[in-house]
Amino acid sequence: MKKALPYLFASVLAAFGLLTLFLSSSVIFDLFGVRAQEGNYVLFIVWANFLNSLFYLSAAYGFIESKKWTASLLGISGIVLLLAFVGLFIYIKAGGTYETKTIGAMAFRITVTLVFSALAYFTITKNKKQ
């Protein structure tokens, strides 16, 4: 079971990363008419999600190979998302248009990222110190 956990974590994180990559790149590059369907998207949030999708895919590899940098990479990913979230609130306060679902989606994404960062720390980083 202990050997299966890294593959489980990597699979879920890779799926999340691929979904994020598809959705964010679809908005950025206006693929499949997704941009029109998204309504009032905030471009810097979409770019932050795109960047994080690459982090997620790299971290999935890190889980499989038990790389110590996996937790750090996911921590950086969380910081990028938190900064984007703060930027979103500044943007909203300044009167910028946005979809209310963006706030919930960002809160969910930050939570998922921090959970995976903690999982990486406790399953890889902490065990490799021994």
Protein backbone atom coordinates (compact mmCIF):
# COMPACT_ATOMS: atom_id res chain seq x y z
CA MET A 1 0.00 0.00 0.00
CA LYS A 2 2.85 2.35 0.84
CA LYS A 3 4.24 1.94 -2.69
CA ALA A 4 0.84 2.70 -4.22
CA LEU A 5 0.37 6.07 -2.46
CA PRO A 6 2.88 8.03 -4.58
CA TYR A 7 1.22 6.70 -7.74
CA LEU A 8 -2.22 7.59 -6.42
CA PHE A 9 -1.11 11.11 -5.48
CA ALA A 10 0.68 11.51 -8.82
CA SER A 11 -2.35 10.30 -10.77
CA VAL A 12 -4.76 12.68 -9.07
CA LEU A 13 -2.32 15.59 -9.35
CA ALA A 14 -1.56 14.83 -13.01
CA ALA A 15 -5.29 14.68 -13.81
CA PHE A 16 -5.81 18.00 -12.00
CA GLY A 17 -2.82 19.48 -13.85
CA LEU A 18 -3.99 18.27 -17.25
CA LEU A 19 -7.50 19.60 -16.66
CA THR A 20 -6.07 22.94 -15.54
CA LEU A 21 -3.73 23.05 -18.53
CA PHE A 22 -6.58 22.34 -20.96
CA LEU A 23 -8.98 24.88 -19.44
CA SER A 24 -6.47 27.69 -18.98
CA SER A 25 -4.86 27.27 -22.40
CA SER A 26 -8.33 27.10 -23.98
CA VAL A 27 -9.13 30.53 -22.54
CA ILE A 28 -5.71 32.05 -23.28
CA PHE A 29 -5.58 30.82 -26.88
CA ASP A 30 -9.36 30.88 -27.44
CA LEU A 31 -9.58 27.19 -28.30
CA PHE A 32 -12.96 25.59 -28.94
CA GLY A 33 -14.80 28.86 -28.24
CA VAL A 34 -14.16 28.48 -24.51
CA ARG A 35 -13.27 32.15 -24.06
CA ALA A 36 -16.81 33.26 -24.94
CA GLN A 37 -18.30 30.66 -22.59
CA GLU A 38 -16.19 31.82 -19.65
CA GLY A 39 -17.78 35.26 -19.49
CA ASN A 40 -15.86 37.83 -17.44
CA TYR A 41 -12.66 35.89 -16.87
CA VAL A 42 -9.67 37.62 -15.27
CA LEU A 43 -6.67 37.09 -17.51
CA PHE A 44 -3.96 37.17 -14.80
CA ILE A 45 -5.86 34.46 -12.90
CA VAL A 46 -5.99 32.33 -16.04
CA TRP A 47 -2.23 32.81 -16.55
CA ALA A 48 -1.55 31.90 -12.89
CA ASN A 49 -3.59 28.73 -13.38
CA PHE A 50 -1.70 27.94 -16.60
CA LEU A 51 1.65 28.31 -14.80
CA ASN A 52 0.40 26.15 -11.94
CA SER A 53 -0.73 23.43 -14.33
CA LEU A 54 2.92 23.04 -15.34
CA PHE A 55 3.91 22.93 -11.66
CA TYR A 56 1.28 20.24 -11.00
CA LEU A 57 2.52 18.05 -13.84
CA SER A 58 6.12 18.42 -12.66
CA ALA A 59 5.08 17.63 -9.08
CA ALA A 60 3.25 14.50 -10.28
CA TYR A 61 6.59 13.30 -11.66
CA GLY A 62 8.19 14.28 -8.34
CA PHE A 63 5.73 12.09 -6.43
CA ILE A 64 6.51 9.07 -8.59
CA GLU A 65 10.27 9.55 -8.32
CA SER A 66 10.16 10.63 -4.63
CA LYS A 67 11.97 13.90 -5.36
CA LYS A 68 12.52 16.13 -2.34
CA TRP A 69 11.75 19.26 -4.40
CA THR A 70 8.13 18.17 -4.89
CA ALA A 71 6.89 19.80 -1.66
CA SER A 72 8.83 23.00 -2.40
CA LEU A 73 7.45 23.19 -5.93
CA LEU A 74 3.91 22.78 -4.66
CA GLY A 75 4.62 25.36 -1.95
CA ILE A 76 5.74 27.82 -4.63
CA SER A 77 2.61 26.95 -6.58
CA GLY A 78 0.53 27.78 -3.51
CA ILE A 79 2.31 31.12 -3.10
CA VAL A 80 1.67 31.99 -6.77
CA LEU A 81 -2.01 31.20 -6.28
CA LEU A 82 -2.23 33.20 -3.05
CA LEU A 83 -0.62 36.21 -4.72
CA ALA A 84 -3.02 35.90 -7.66
CA PHE A 85 -5.92 35.64 -5.18
CA VAL A 86 -4.83 38.82 -3.43
CA GLY A 87 -4.48 40.45 -6.84
CA LEU A 88 -8.00 39.32 -7.67
CA PHE A 89 -9.39 41.08 -4.60
CA ILE A 90 -7.47 44.24 -5.47
CA TYR A 91 -8.84 43.98 -9.02
CA ILE A 92 -12.38 43.53 -7.69
CA LYS A 93 -12.02 46.45 -5.27
CA ALA A 94 -10.89 48.62 -8.19
CA GLY A 95 -14.13 47.82 -10.00
CA GLY A 96 -12.91 45.07 -12.33
CA THR A 97 -15.42 42.69 -13.85
CA TYR A 98 -15.23 39.04 -12.83
CA GLU A 99 -17.28 35.91 -12.38
CA THR A 100 -18.20 35.10 -8.78
CA LYS A 101 -17.30 31.45 -9.42
CA THR A 102 -13.67 32.59 -9.75
CA ILE A 103 -13.42 33.24 -6.02
CA GLY A 104 -14.64 29.76 -5.11
CA ALA A 105 -12.49 28.15 -7.78
CA MET A 106 -9.38 29.92 -6.52
CA ALA A 107 -10.12 28.97 -2.91
CA PHE A 108 -10.56 25.34 -4.01
CA ARG A 109 -7.36 25.39 -6.08
CA ILE A 110 -5.33 26.89 -3.22
CA THR A 111 -6.67 24.28 -0.81
CA VAL A 112 -5.90 21.39 -3.19
CA THR A 113 -2.39 22.75 -3.80
CA LEU A 114 -1.62 23.14 -0.09
CA VAL A 115 -2.98 19.65 0.67
CA PHE A 116 -0.73 18.13 -2.01
CA SER A 117 2.19 20.18 -0.73
CA ALA A 118 1.63 18.76 2.77
CA LEU A 119 1.29 15.24 1.35
CA ALA A 120 4.58 15.67 -0.51
CA TYR A 121 6.28 16.97 2.61
CA PHE A 122 5.10 14.16 4.85
CA THR A 123 5.51 11.32 2.35
CA ILE A 124 8.72 12.37 0.60
CA THR A 125 10.68 15.18 2.26
CA LYS A 126 10.25 14.08 5.86
CA ASN A 127 11.02 10.42 5.04
CA LYS A 128 14.17 11.28 3.07
CA LYS A 129 15.73 13.11 6.05
CA GLN A 130 16.21 9.80 7.85
